[in-house]
Amino acid sequence: MKMTIEVDCTPEEARRFLGLPDVAPLNDHLVAEMTRQATALPPDELMKSWMSMGAGAQEQFRKLMEAGLGAAGGAASKP
């Protein structure tokens, strides 16, 4: 038996129905803080800090993919 239920509600109504917390004030605070910090630094310094984080994140992602491929290759060769 297969049943389909369609619920028509706003994201706010769904959040309240599921009992999830309202994180809008926290999000607003974080955006305001990031905006304040971004305007406090010169543009070239801001880009340097973003690029340094990006390079580290790319390396971590590459290591994660290599580990996953290694595990998948090892599992595929086992009977």
Protein backbone atom coordinates (compact mmCIF):
# COMPACT_ATOMS: atom_id res chain seq x y z
CA MET A 1 0.00 0.00 0.00
CA LYS A 2 1.28 3.40 -0.90
CA MET A 3 -0.05 6.65 0.52
CA THR A 4 0.80 10.19 -0.44
CA ILE A 5 0.11 13.10 1.87
CA GLU A 6 0.45 16.65 0.62
CA VAL A 7 0.78 19.46 3.14
CA ASP A 8 0.34 23.05 2.05
CA CYS A 9 1.95 25.36 4.58
CA THR A 10 4.54 28.08 4.84
CA PRO A 11 8.05 27.33 6.13
CA GLU A 12 7.16 29.18 9.34
CA GLU A 13 4.06 27.01 9.86
CA ALA A 14 6.08 23.84 9.21
CA ARG A 15 8.78 24.95 11.66
CA ARG A 16 6.21 25.58 14.39
CA PHE A 17 4.34 22.33 13.69
CA LEU A 18 7.56 20.32 13.97
CA GLY A 19 8.59 22.19 17.12
CA LEU A 20 11.81 23.53 15.64
CA PRO A 21 13.37 26.66 17.13
CA ASP A 22 13.15 30.02 15.39
CA VAL A 23 16.74 30.81 14.42
CA ALA A 24 15.94 34.01 12.49
CA PRO A 25 17.27 36.31 15.28
CA LEU A 26 20.50 34.31 15.46
CA ASN A 27 20.87 34.43 11.67
CA ASP A 28 20.26 38.17 11.64
CA HIS A 29 22.92 38.66 14.33
CA LEU A 30 25.46 36.53 12.46
CA VAL A 31 24.86 38.35 9.18
CA ALA A 32 25.21 41.73 10.90
CA GLU A 33 28.45 40.61 12.60
CA MET A 34 29.92 39.28 9.35
CA THR A 35 28.97 42.49 7.58
CA ARG A 36 30.63 44.54 10.33
CA GLN A 37 33.82 42.47 10.13
CA ALA A 38 33.85 42.57 6.33
CA THR A 39 33.63 46.36 6.27
CA ALA A 40 36.33 46.69 8.95
CA LEU A 41 38.99 44.98 6.79
CA PRO A 42 40.45 46.32 3.56
CA PRO A 43 39.16 44.31 0.56
CA ASP A 44 42.55 42.71 -0.19
CA GLU A 45 42.95 41.49 3.41
CA LEU A 46 39.41 40.11 3.37
CA MET A 47 40.08 38.16 0.16
CA LYS A 48 43.36 36.79 1.59
CA SER A 49 41.57 35.46 4.66
CA TRP A 50 38.80 33.90 2.54
CA MET A 51 41.25 32.31 0.12
CA SER A 52 43.35 30.81 2.90
CA MET A 53 40.24 29.14 4.34
CA GLY A 54 39.23 27.95 0.88
CA ALA A 55 42.55 26.25 0.22
CA GLY A 56 42.36 24.37 3.51
CA ALA A 57 38.78 23.34 2.85
CA GLN A 58 39.68 22.10 -0.63
CA GLU A 59 42.52 20.00 0.78
CA GLN A 60 40.25 18.52 3.46
CA PHE A 61 37.62 17.70 0.82
CA ARG A 62 40.25 16.03 -1.39
CA LYS A 63 41.43 13.88 1.55
CA LEU A 64 37.83 12.94 2.34
CA MET A 65 37.19 11.88 -1.26
CA GLU A 66 40.44 9.86 -1.37
CA ALA A 67 39.49 8.07 1.84
CA GLY A 68 36.02 7.35 0.50
CA LEU A 69 37.33 6.05 -2.79
CA GLY A 70 39.87 3.90 -0.98
CA ALA A 71 37.17 2.43 1.24
CA ALA A 72 34.86 1.84 -1.73
CA GLY A 73 37.65 0.17 -3.70
CA GLY A 74 38.52 -2.05 -0.74
CA ALA A 75 34.88 -3.05 -0.25
CA ALA A 76 34.44 -3.79 -3.96
CA SER A 77 37.39 -6.20 -4.04
CA LYS A 78 36.09 -8.24 -1.08
CA PRO A 79 33.81 -11.19 -1.99
